[in-house]
């Protein structure tokens, strides 16, 4: 592969950053002006996630210029449902940093290292799950899930979710070493040592990269963006809603699937600079 900047890493969140569900597309234009969409994920024989066709071409170009590293909160199984344009990334960060895929295969040594860090730096998952079970109301709770035996998340009815519940959960979780993040219909409870930036640091160490570009939309992406030399956030999502920023991070105003395309253009321009 002809990499013009082989020591540059582009580490990007996927959902609502580069790829979008039908509910998150937010096209905001007449149907006749809507961009052509590329299906990048199928689940139970139905299309689930998309990017614009232009974004697909940009991603192929980007993967030929830099080392592209997807960085997602998805489990390995959920990540493997995604079929992005271009070659398979040499590294992928899954489960919010709990798993590192190298050449598509799980690096079990990395997972063991992360579990050691969790044991030393945060309250056990069982304690957090018990609190969620005791405080979540069946009126608005739709599902409770555990991801890779590393963290928990709830699927909720946002219209019925009490306005202060997430803040109360975050205040309870903070002294226990856990972070709470609201993304769409999902509320994530994640131990602080479990981070995308920790896995990114491992990829940087292994590859000898000297520059990192990043993008993301949620609180769980803040550490990834903070660890990068330059970063971008879309005009939607948790970081945009809270006004989170950093000197080297550009907050875009574009939202929806068009933001994914714009982020890829910024990645390419920065890689060529």
Protein backbone atom coordinates (compact mmCIF):
# COMPACT_ATOMS: atom_id res chain seq x y z
CA UNK A 1 0.00 0.00 0.00
CA UNK A 2 1.28 3.43 -0.95
CA UNK A 3 1.02 5.45 2.25
CA UNK A 4 2.00 9.10 1.82
CA UNK A 5 2.05 9.53 5.61
CA UNK A 6 2.64 6.05 6.97
CA UNK A 7 3.39 7.42 10.45
CA UNK A 8 0.07 9.22 10.71
CA UNK A 9 -2.86 7.51 12.42
CA UNK A 10 -6.47 8.52 11.89
CA UNK A 11 -8.48 7.17 14.83
CA UNK A 12 -12.19 7.76 14.43
CA UNK A 13 -15.37 6.84 16.21
CA UNK A 14 -17.90 5.18 13.89
CA UNK A 15 -21.56 5.54 14.92
CA UNK A 16 -22.87 9.08 14.42
CA UNK A 17 -19.38 10.17 13.40
CA UNK A 18 -18.59 8.31 10.17
CA UNK A 19 -21.60 5.97 9.85
CA UNK A 20 -25.29 6.63 10.56
CA UNK A 21 -28.47 4.70 11.21
CA UNK A 22 -31.58 5.70 9.27
CA UNK A 23 -32.83 7.60 12.35
CA UNK A 24 -29.58 9.57 12.62
CA UNK A 25 -29.08 10.53 8.95
CA UNK A 26 -30.69 13.97 9.47
CA UNK A 27 -30.60 14.78 5.76
CA UNK A 28 -32.42 18.10 6.22
CA UNK A 29 -33.08 18.65 2.52
CA UNK A 30 -35.71 17.87 -0.13
CA UNK A 31 -35.76 14.21 -1.13
CA UNK A 32 -34.65 15.03 -4.66
CA UNK A 33 -31.49 16.70 -3.30
CA UNK A 34 -30.53 13.92 -0.88
CA UNK A 35 -27.09 12.32 -1.46
CA UNK A 36 -26.74 8.74 -2.62
CA UNK A 37 -26.17 6.48 0.38
CA UNK A 38 -23.92 3.46 0.77
CA UNK A 39 -25.03 0.66 3.10
CA UNK A 40 -22.14 -0.26 5.40
CA UNK A 41 -23.93 -2.49 7.92
CA UNK A 42 -26.56 -5.22 7.63
CA UNK A 43 -28.18 -6.80 10.69
CA UNK A 44 -30.68 -9.66 10.55
CA UNK A 45 -30.85 -9.30 6.75
CA UNK A 46 -31.80 -5.61 6.97
CA UNK A 47 -29.66 -2.54 6.19
CA UNK A 48 -28.78 -0.74 9.40
CA UNK A 49 -26.01 1.86 8.89
CA UNK A 50 -25.00 4.15 6.06
CA UNK A 51 -22.54 6.73 4.83
CA UNK A 52 -22.76 8.84 1.70
CA UNK A 53 -21.21 7.35 -1.43
CA UNK A 54 -18.85 10.33 -1.53
CA UNK A 55 -17.77 9.54 2.04
CA UNK A 56 -17.08 5.96 0.98
CA UNK A 57 -14.74 7.15 -1.76
CA UNK A 58 -13.02 9.53 0.65
CA UNK A 59 -12.48 6.73 3.16
CA UNK A 60 -10.79 4.57 0.51
CA UNK A 61 -8.52 7.48 -0.37
CA UNK A 62 -7.78 8.12 3.29
CA UNK A 63 -6.91 4.48 4.01
CA UNK A 64 -4.34 4.65 1.20
CA UNK A 65 -2.70 7.74 2.70
CA UNK A 66 -2.63 6.99 6.45
CA UNK A 67 -3.22 4.20 8.93
CA UNK A 68 -6.97 4.28 9.57
CA UNK A 69 -8.01 2.91 12.98
CA UNK A 70 -11.73 2.59 13.76
CA UNK A 71 -12.33 3.32 17.46
CA UNK A 72 -15.76 2.21 18.63
CA UNK A 73 -17.73 1.42 21.76
CA UNK A 74 -19.27 -1.50 19.84
CA UNK A 75 -18.51 -5.05 20.86
CA UNK A 76 -16.36 -7.10 18.51
CA UNK A 77 -19.45 -8.88 17.17
CA UNK A 78 -21.23 -5.59 16.48
CA UNK A 79 -18.12 -4.11 14.85
CA UNK A 80 -17.73 -7.09 12.53
CA UNK A 81 -21.18 -6.43 11.09
CA UNK A 82 -19.77 -3.25 9.55
CA UNK A 83 -18.28 -3.44 6.06
CA UNK A 84 -16.44 -0.20 5.38
CA UNK A 85 -15.09 0.63 1.92
CA UNK A 86 -11.39 -0.03 1.45
CA UNK A 87 -9.00 -2.56 2.95
CA UNK A 88 -9.47 -4.09 6.39
CA UNK A 89 -7.82 -1.80 8.96
CA UNK A 90 -4.63 -3.23 10.42
CA UNK A 91 -5.90 -2.22 13.88
CA UNK A 92 -9.38 -1.60 15.27
CA UNK A 93 -10.37 -0.51 18.77
CA UNK A 94 -13.55 -2.16 20.08
CA UNK A 95 -15.51 -2.18 23.36
CA UNK A 96 -14.30 1.35 24.12
CA UNK A 97 -10.69 0.16 24.24
CA UNK A 98 -11.29 -3.15 25.98
CA UNK A 99 -10.44 -5.09 22.85
CA UNK A 100 -7.81 -4.41 20.20
CA UNK A 101 -8.10 -6.20 16.87
CA UNK A 102 -4.85 -6.70 14.96
CA UNK A 103 -5.34 -7.88 11.41
CA UNK A 104 -8.96 -8.58 12.32
CA UNK A 105 -8.04 -10.90 15.20
CA UNK A 106 -8.45 -10.31 18.92
CA UNK A 107 -5.27 -9.40 20.78
CA UNK A 108 -5.88 -11.35 23.99
CA UNK A 109 -2.81 -9.92 25.71
CA UNK A 110 -4.23 -6.42 25.36
CA UNK A 111 -7.59 -7.50 26.76
CA UNK A 112 -5.85 -9.11 29.74
CA UNK A 113 -3.93 -5.88 30.35
CA UNK A 114 -7.13 -3.83 30.29
CA UNK A 115 -8.84 -6.17 32.75
CA UNK A 116 -5.88 -5.75 35.13
CA UNK A 117 -6.29 -1.97 34.91
CA UNK A 118 -10.02 -2.26 35.60
CA UNK A 119 -9.45 -4.39 38.66
CA UNK A 120 -7.11 -1.73 40.06
CA UNK A 121 -8.91 1.45 39.03
CA UNK A 122 -12.70 1.14 39.27
CA UNK A 123 -15.59 -0.47 41.14
CA UNK A 124 -16.67 -3.89 39.82
CA UNK A 125 -19.20 -4.20 37.02
CA UNK A 126 -21.57 -6.18 39.27
CA UNK A 127 -21.93 -3.22 41.64
CA UNK A 128 -22.83 -0.88 38.80
CA UNK A 129 -25.31 -3.33 37.28
CA UNK A 130 -27.01 -3.75 40.63
CA UNK A 131 -27.42 0.02 40.93
CA UNK A 132 -28.83 0.25 37.40
CA UNK A 133 -31.33 -2.52 38.13
CA UNK A 134 -32.42 -0.81 41.33
CA UNK A 135 -32.88 2.68 39.86
CA UNK A 136 -34.00 2.20 36.23
CA UNK A 137 -37.78 2.41 35.77
CA UNK A 138 -39.46 -0.25 33.58
CA UNK A 139 -41.67 2.55 32.26
CA UNK A 140 -38.78 3.86 30.16
CA UNK A 141 -36.22 1.04 30.25
CA UNK A 142 -36.32 -1.14 27.15
CA UNK A 143 -33.18 -3.30 27.50
CA UNK A 144 -30.21 -3.74 29.84
CA UNK A 145 -27.05 -5.15 28.32
CA UNK A 146 -23.47 -6.03 29.28
CA UNK A 147 -20.81 -5.56 26.60
CA UNK A 148 -17.93 -8.04 26.53
CA UNK A 149 -18.19 -8.39 30.35
CA UNK A 150 -16.55 -4.95 30.51
CA UNK A 151 -19.30 -2.32 30.79
CA UNK A 152 -23.06 -1.94 30.83
CA UNK A 153 -25.58 0.02 28.81
CA UNK A 154 -29.31 0.63 28.84
CA UNK A 155 -31.62 1.08 25.86
CA UNK A 156 -34.29 3.58 26.87
CA UNK A 157 -37.34 5.44 25.65
CA UNK A 158 -35.90 8.97 25.48
CA UNK A 159 -39.34 10.59 25.55
CA UNK A 160 -40.10 9.00 28.93
CA UNK A 161 -36.63 9.22 30.46
CA UNK A 162 -36.70 11.68 33.42
CA UNK A 163 -34.60 14.75 32.70
CA UNK A 164 -32.29 14.45 35.70
CA UNK A 165 -31.81 10.69 35.83
CA UNK A 166 -28.64 10.55 33.74
CA UNK A 167 -27.02 13.35 35.78
CA UNK A 168 -27.89 11.55 39.02
CA UNK A 169 -26.38 8.32 37.67
CA UNK A 170 -23.22 10.17 36.59
CA UNK A 171 -22.85 11.75 40.04
CA UNK A 172 -23.21 8.33 41.68
CA UNK A 173 -20.75 6.67 39.27
CA UNK A 174 -18.00 9.32 39.37
CA UNK A 175 -16.45 8.41 42.77
CA UNK A 176 -16.56 4.74 41.77
CA UNK A 177 -14.34 5.41 38.76
CA UNK A 178 -17.08 5.11 36.13
CA UNK A 179 -18.24 7.44 33.33
CA UNK A 180 -21.84 7.83 32.17
CA UNK A 181 -22.66 8.77 28.58
CA UNK A 182 -26.01 9.31 26.84
CA UNK A 183 -25.94 8.52 23.12
CA UNK A 184 -29.23 8.42 21.26
CA UNK A 185 -31.38 5.81 22.99
CA UNK A 186 -28.45 4.29 24.91
CA UNK A 187 -27.04 5.16 28.32
CA UNK A 188 -23.53 3.80 28.78
CA UNK A 189 -21.84 3.15 32.12
CA UNK A 190 -18.13 2.61 31.45
CA UNK A 191 -15.19 2.26 33.88
CA UNK A 192 -12.74 5.13 33.45
CA UNK A 193 -9.64 2.96 32.83
CA UNK A 194 -11.52 1.49 29.84
CA UNK A 195 -10.81 4.13 27.21
CA UNK A 196 -10.24 4.47 23.50
CA UNK A 197 -7.16 6.59 24.21
CA UNK A 198 -5.52 3.74 26.15
CA UNK A 199 -5.87 1.39 23.18
CA UNK A 200 -4.79 4.17 20.81
CA UNK A 201 -1.59 4.66 22.83
CA UNK A 202 -0.86 0.96 22.35
CA UNK A 203 -1.36 1.26 18.58
CA UNK A 204 0.91 4.33 18.48
CA UNK A 205 3.56 2.39 20.41
CA UNK A 206 3.39 -0.60 18.08
CA UNK A 207 3.39 1.37 14.84
CA UNK A 208 5.80 4.17 15.74
CA UNK A 209 3.28 6.77 14.61
CA UNK A 210 4.24 10.38 15.23
CA UNK A 211 0.92 12.08 14.49
CA UNK A 212 -2.69 11.28 15.37
CA UNK A 213 -5.89 12.72 13.91
CA UNK A 214 -9.22 11.87 15.55
CA UNK A 215 -12.97 12.43 15.42
CA UNK A 216 -15.92 11.59 17.64
CA UNK A 217 -19.28 12.83 18.87
CA UNK A 218 -19.77 11.49 22.41
CA UNK A 219 -18.36 11.92 25.90
CA UNK A 220 -16.64 8.56 25.45
CA UNK A 221 -14.68 10.12 22.57
CA UNK A 222 -13.35 13.06 24.60
CA UNK A 223 -10.25 11.17 25.72
CA UNK A 224 -9.58 10.04 22.14
CA UNK A 225 -9.80 13.62 20.89
CA UNK A 226 -7.66 14.88 23.77
CA UNK A 227 -4.93 12.38 22.87
CA UNK A 228 -4.82 13.48 19.21
CA UNK A 229 -2.74 16.20 17.58
CA UNK A 230 -5.84 17.45 15.73
CA UNK A 231 -9.49 16.47 16.05
CA UNK A 232 -13.01 17.17 14.79
CA UNK A 233 -16.48 16.82 16.28
CA UNK A 234 -19.73 16.88 14.28
CA UNK A 235 -22.44 19.46 14.89
CA UNK A 236 -24.59 16.93 16.74
CA UNK A 237 -24.12 14.55 19.65
CA UNK A 238 -23.11 14.71 23.29
CA UNK A 239 -19.97 16.82 22.81
CA UNK A 240 -21.79 19.38 20.67
CA UNK A 241 -24.72 19.51 23.11
CA UNK A 242 -22.46 20.15 26.11
CA UNK A 243 -20.12 22.56 24.30
CA UNK A 244 -17.06 20.41 24.96
CA UNK A 245 -13.97 21.65 23.17
CA UNK A 246 -10.19 21.70 23.22
CA UNK A 247 -7.66 24.03 21.55
CA UNK A 248 -6.70 21.47 18.89
CA UNK A 249 -10.27 20.23 18.24
CA UNK A 250 -12.53 21.84 15.65
CA UNK A 251 -16.26 21.75 16.38
CA UNK A 252 -18.05 21.50 13.05
CA UNK A 253 -21.54 22.93 12.58
CA UNK A 254 -22.63 20.29 10.07
CA UNK A 255 -24.81 17.53 11.52
CA UNK A 256 -26.11 14.17 10.35
CA UNK A 257 -24.56 12.00 7.67
CA UNK A 258 -23.13 15.07 5.88
CA UNK A 259 -20.89 15.60 8.91
CA UNK A 260 -19.26 12.22 8.32
CA UNK A 261 -18.35 13.24 4.82
CA UNK A 262 -17.01 16.59 6.00
CA UNK A 263 -14.89 14.94 8.71
CA UNK A 264 -13.28 12.67 6.12
CA UNK A 265 -12.44 15.69 3.97
CA UNK A 266 -10.75 17.31 6.95
CA UNK A 267 -8.80 14.11 7.65
CA UNK A 268 -7.55 14.02 4.06
CA UNK A 269 -6.58 17.69 4.04
CA UNK A 270 -4.70 17.31 7.32
CA UNK A 271 -2.95 14.17 6.10
CA UNK A 272 -1.75 15.98 2.99
CA UNK A 273 -0.65 19.12 4.84
